[in-house]
N, C-alpha and C. Protein backbone atom coordinates (compact mmCIF):
# COMPACT_ATOMS: atom_id res chain seq x y z
N UNK A 1 0.57 -1.19 -0.14
CA UNK A 1 0.25 0.12 -0.03
C UNK A 1 0.93 1.21 -0.05
N UNK A 2 0.67 2.09 -0.77
CA UNK A 2 1.10 3.29 -0.89
C UNK A 2 0.31 4.68 -0.34
N UNK A 3 1.41 5.66 0.67
CA UNK A 3 0.81 6.52 1.17
C UNK A 3 0.72 7.82 -0.01
N UNK A 4 -0.31 8.60 -0.31
CA UNK A 4 -0.29 9.48 -1.02
C UNK A 4 0.54 10.50 -0.41
N UNK A 5 1.52 11.40 -1.70
CA UNK A 5 2.39 12.27 -1.31
C UNK A 5 1.29 13.53 -0.98
N UNK A 6 1.83 14.52 0.11
CA UNK A 6 1.09 15.73 0.78
C UNK A 6 1.64 16.95 -0.03
N UNK A 7 0.91 17.83 -0.60
CA UNK A 7 1.48 18.90 -1.34
C UNK A 7 1.86 19.77 -0.77
N UNK A 8 1.49 19.58 0.42
CA UNK A 8 1.61 20.82 1.95
C UNK A 8 2.57 20.15 2.76
N UNK A 9 3.42 21.02 3.61
CA UNK A 9 4.04 20.48 4.61
C UNK A 9 3.21 20.41 5.77
N UNK A 10 3.62 19.25 6.28
CA UNK A 10 2.42 18.86 7.78
C UNK A 10 3.17 19.76 8.88
N UNK A 11 1.99 20.59 9.30
CA UNK A 11 2.68 21.09 10.82
C UNK A 11 1.76 20.95 11.82
N UNK A 12 1.86 20.07 12.91
CA UNK A 12 0.89 19.79 14.05
C UNK A 12 0.39 20.99 14.49
N UNK A 13 -1.36 20.63 15.11
CA UNK A 13 -1.63 21.88 15.36
C UNK A 13 -1.21 21.80 17.20
N UNK A 14 -1.02 23.05 17.47
CA UNK A 14 -0.68 23.28 18.69
C UNK A 14 -1.56 22.81 19.70
N UNK A 15 -0.85 22.35 20.87
CA UNK A 15 -1.50 21.66 21.90
C UNK A 15 -1.99 22.79 23.02
N UNK A 16 -3.59 22.38 23.36
CA UNK A 16 -3.48 23.15 24.65
C UNK A 16 -2.78 23.70 25.34
N UNK A 17 -2.28 24.62 25.98
CA UNK A 17 -1.38 25.09 27.08
C UNK A 17 0.14 24.78 26.59
N UNK A 18 0.37 24.91 25.10
CA UNK A 18 1.50 24.81 24.57
C UNK A 18 2.31 25.82 24.05
N UNK A 19 1.56 26.84 23.93
CA UNK A 19 1.51 27.93 23.32
C UNK A 19 2.84 28.77 24.41
N UNK A 20 3.59 29.55 24.07
CA UNK A 20 4.65 30.46 24.39
C UNK A 20 3.97 31.25 25.34
N UNK A 21 4.51 31.83 26.63
CA UNK A 21 3.70 32.71 27.13
C UNK A 21 4.32 34.33 26.87
N UNK A 22 3.60 35.32 26.88
CA UNK A 22 4.54 36.45 26.65
C UNK A 22 5.60 36.70 27.50
N UNK A 23 6.72 37.01 26.87
CA UNK A 23 7.99 37.41 27.28
C UNK A 23 7.87 39.08 28.43
N UNK A 24 8.39 39.12 29.27
CA UNK A 24 8.51 40.21 30.17
C UNK A 24 9.60 40.47 29.91
N UNK A 25 10.05 41.89 29.75
CA UNK A 25 11.14 42.39 30.15
C UNK A 25 11.70 42.90 31.35
N UNK A 26 13.12 43.38 31.83
CA UNK A 26 13.41 43.10 32.87
C UNK A 26 12.84 44.49 33.65
N UNK A 27 12.32 45.08 33.08
CA UNK A 27 11.38 46.28 34.14
C UNK A 27 9.91 46.00 34.20
N UNK A 28 9.41 44.37 33.80
CA UNK A 28 8.11 43.87 34.05
C UNK A 28 7.30 44.10 33.33
N UNK A 29 7.49 44.87 32.09
CA UNK A 29 6.40 45.52 31.05
C UNK A 29 6.77 44.11 30.24
N UNK A 30 5.43 44.16 29.55
CA UNK A 30 5.64 43.32 28.17
C UNK A 30 6.23 43.89 26.90
N UNK A 31 6.68 43.36 25.98
CA UNK A 31 7.55 43.81 24.51
C UNK A 31 6.21 44.70 23.88
N UNK A 32 6.53 45.67 23.35
CA UNK A 32 5.73 46.99 22.87
C UNK A 32 6.10 47.31 21.57
N UNK A 33 5.75 47.79 20.62
CA UNK A 33 6.21 47.93 19.38
C UNK A 33 7.50 48.50 19.21
N UNK A 34 7.88 49.33 20.52
CA UNK A 34 9.14 50.10 20.24
C UNK A 34 10.22 49.11 20.74
N UNK A 35 9.79 48.00 21.61
CA UNK A 35 11.16 46.95 21.75
C UNK A 35 11.15 45.74 20.86
N UNK A 36 10.42 45.94 19.75
CA UNK A 36 10.17 44.65 18.66
C UNK A 36 11.54 44.54 18.11
N UNK A 37 12.10 43.66 17.50
CA UNK A 37 13.31 43.30 16.83
C UNK A 37 13.68 42.08 16.13
N UNK A 38 14.65 41.65 15.18
CA UNK A 38 14.28 40.56 14.61
C UNK A 38 14.45 39.47 15.50
N UNK A 39 14.63 39.68 16.44
CA UNK A 39 14.77 38.40 17.81
C UNK A 39 13.43 38.18 18.50
N UNK A 40 12.61 39.12 18.17
CA UNK A 40 11.41 38.77 19.12
C UNK A 40 10.33 38.33 18.07
N UNK A 41 9.35 37.60 18.65
CA UNK A 41 7.92 37.32 18.20
C UNK A 41 6.90 38.18 18.10
N UNK A 42 6.53 38.48 17.02
CA UNK A 42 5.65 39.66 16.37
C UNK A 42 4.38 39.45 16.61
N UNK A 43 3.74 38.50 17.01
CA UNK A 43 2.49 37.83 17.24
C UNK A 43 1.89 38.96 18.31
N UNK A 44 0.92 39.56 17.64
CA UNK A 44 -0.17 40.64 18.90
C UNK A 44 -0.73 40.17 19.51
N UNK A 45 -0.94 40.44 20.75
CA UNK A 45 -1.65 40.19 21.76
C UNK A 45 -2.75 41.44 22.36
N UNK A 46 -4.13 41.23 21.90
CA UNK A 46 -5.01 42.34 22.60
C UNK A 46 -5.07 43.01 21.56
N UNK A 47 -5.81 44.17 21.80
CA UNK A 47 -6.56 44.96 21.02
C UNK A 47 -5.46 46.16 20.61
N UNK A 48 -5.20 46.60 19.35
CA UNK A 48 -3.99 47.85 19.71
C UNK A 48 -4.46 49.02 19.64
N UNK A 49 -5.70 49.10 20.04
CA UNK A 49 -5.91 50.42 20.38
C UNK A 49 -6.23 50.85 22.05
N UNK A 50 -6.08 49.51 22.63
CA UNK A 50 -5.96 49.60 24.18
C UNK A 50 -4.49 49.87 24.96
N UNK A 51 -4.37 50.40 26.35
CA UNK A 51 -2.89 50.68 26.63
C UNK A 51 -2.36 49.30 26.87
N UNK A 52 -2.97 48.37 27.32
CA UNK A 52 -2.44 46.78 27.45
C UNK A 52 -2.10 45.91 26.14
N UNK A 53 -1.94 46.73 25.03
CA UNK A 53 -1.77 45.69 23.92
C UNK A 53 -0.11 45.43 23.92
N UNK A 54 0.32 44.20 23.35
CA UNK A 54 1.50 44.11 23.34
C UNK A 54 1.78 42.86 22.27
N UNK A 55 3.17 42.38 22.40
CA UNK A 55 3.18 41.11 21.34
C UNK A 55 4.00 40.05 22.23
N UNK A 56 4.40 39.10 21.70
CA UNK A 56 4.65 37.81 22.69
C UNK A 56 5.80 38.10 23.03
N UNK A 57 6.99 38.29 22.16
CA UNK A 57 8.19 38.54 22.41
C UNK A 57 9.18 37.90 22.54
N UNK A 58 8.81 36.22 22.41
CA UNK A 58 9.63 35.05 22.59
C UNK A 58 10.54 35.19 21.58
N UNK A 59 11.27 34.40 21.48
CA UNK A 59 12.62 34.23 20.53
C UNK A 59 12.13 33.42 19.29
N UNK A 60 11.89 33.72 18.26
CA UNK A 60 11.85 33.13 16.97
C UNK A 60 13.06 32.38 16.60
N UNK A 61 12.64 31.59 15.47
CA UNK A 61 13.51 30.71 15.17
C UNK A 61 14.50 31.82 13.94
N UNK A 62 15.37 31.55 13.55
CA UNK A 62 16.11 32.64 12.64
C UNK A 62 15.14 32.95 11.78
N UNK A 63 15.45 34.11 11.29
CA UNK A 63 14.42 34.35 9.94
C UNK A 63 12.86 34.40 10.07
N UNK A 64 12.17 34.05 11.01
CA UNK A 64 11.00 34.32 11.15
C UNK A 64 10.18 35.36 12.29
N UNK A 65 8.87 35.54 11.88
CA UNK A 65 8.55 36.51 12.26
C UNK A 65 7.57 36.11 13.77
N UNK A 66 7.23 34.55 13.95
CA UNK A 66 7.00 34.34 15.16
C UNK A 66 7.52 33.23 15.84
N UNK A 67 7.45 33.19 17.00
CA UNK A 67 7.83 31.88 17.73
C UNK A 67 7.22 30.45 17.33
N UNK A 68 8.03 29.32 17.66
CA UNK A 68 7.45 28.32 16.98
C UNK A 68 5.90 28.14 17.26
N UNK A 69 5.22 28.41 18.71
CA UNK A 69 4.09 28.21 19.00
C UNK A 69 2.90 29.26 18.01
N UNK A 70 3.53 30.31 17.68
CA UNK A 70 2.58 31.14 17.24
C UNK A 70 2.84 30.99 15.70
N UNK A 71 3.87 30.17 15.03
CA UNK A 71 4.34 30.15 13.45
C UNK A 71 3.12 29.14 13.37
N UNK A 72 3.20 28.07 14.32
CA UNK A 72 1.73 26.78 13.76
C UNK A 72 0.33 27.51 13.99
N UNK A 73 0.34 28.19 14.93
CA UNK A 73 -1.02 28.83 14.64
C UNK A 73 -1.45 29.95 13.32
N UNK A 74 -0.26 30.40 13.02
CA UNK A 74 -0.60 31.19 11.75
C UNK A 74 -0.53 30.57 10.41
N UNK A 75 0.20 29.55 10.44
CA UNK A 75 -0.09 28.69 9.26
C UNK A 75 -1.41 28.30 8.51
N UNK A 76 -2.10 28.51 7.36
CA UNK A 76 -3.14 28.14 6.95
C UNK A 76 -3.01 27.24 5.48
N UNK A 77 -3.66 25.98 5.55
CA UNK A 77 -3.53 25.07 4.57
C UNK A 77 -4.42 25.95 3.42
N UNK A 78 -3.86 25.74 2.06
CA UNK A 78 -4.35 26.25 0.81
C UNK A 78 -5.96 26.04 0.87
N UNK A 79 -6.30 24.81 1.39
CA UNK A 79 -7.75 24.33 1.37
C UNK A 79 -8.47 24.93 2.36
N UNK A 80 -7.97 25.47 3.53
CA UNK A 80 -8.94 26.41 4.66
C UNK A 80 -8.98 27.88 3.94
N UNK A 81 -7.81 28.17 3.00
CA UNK A 81 -8.10 29.45 2.67
C UNK A 81 -8.87 29.56 1.56
N UNK A 82 -9.20 28.38 0.86
CA UNK A 82 -10.46 28.43 -0.29
C UNK A 82 -11.61 28.80 0.33
N UNK A 83 -12.00 27.85 1.61
CA UNK A 83 -13.05 27.51 2.09
C UNK A 83 -13.45 28.89 2.40
N UNK A 84 -12.29 29.60 3.05
CA UNK A 84 -13.10 31.11 3.74
C UNK A 84 -13.03 32.27 2.88
N UNK A 85 -12.83 31.92 1.68
CA UNK A 85 -12.74 32.85 0.41
C UNK A 85 -14.55 32.99 0.03
């Protein structure tokens, strides 16, 4: 029996409780727009119009915008995107 080839990479779904927690800075604050860099996860948390809006801030894999947990959440297969259109 042969297994059909997948046209898209398999990315396992994030398990509940397996997501990174937002990083706090040394001063106790969360990462805001001013602290973002190529070494911080840019996953937004909260409403951008509110004072408590911040970013995940965990260290992503090199060259990526998000940490591993948020990278998995951001992935949408072509089939899912076609359904939502």
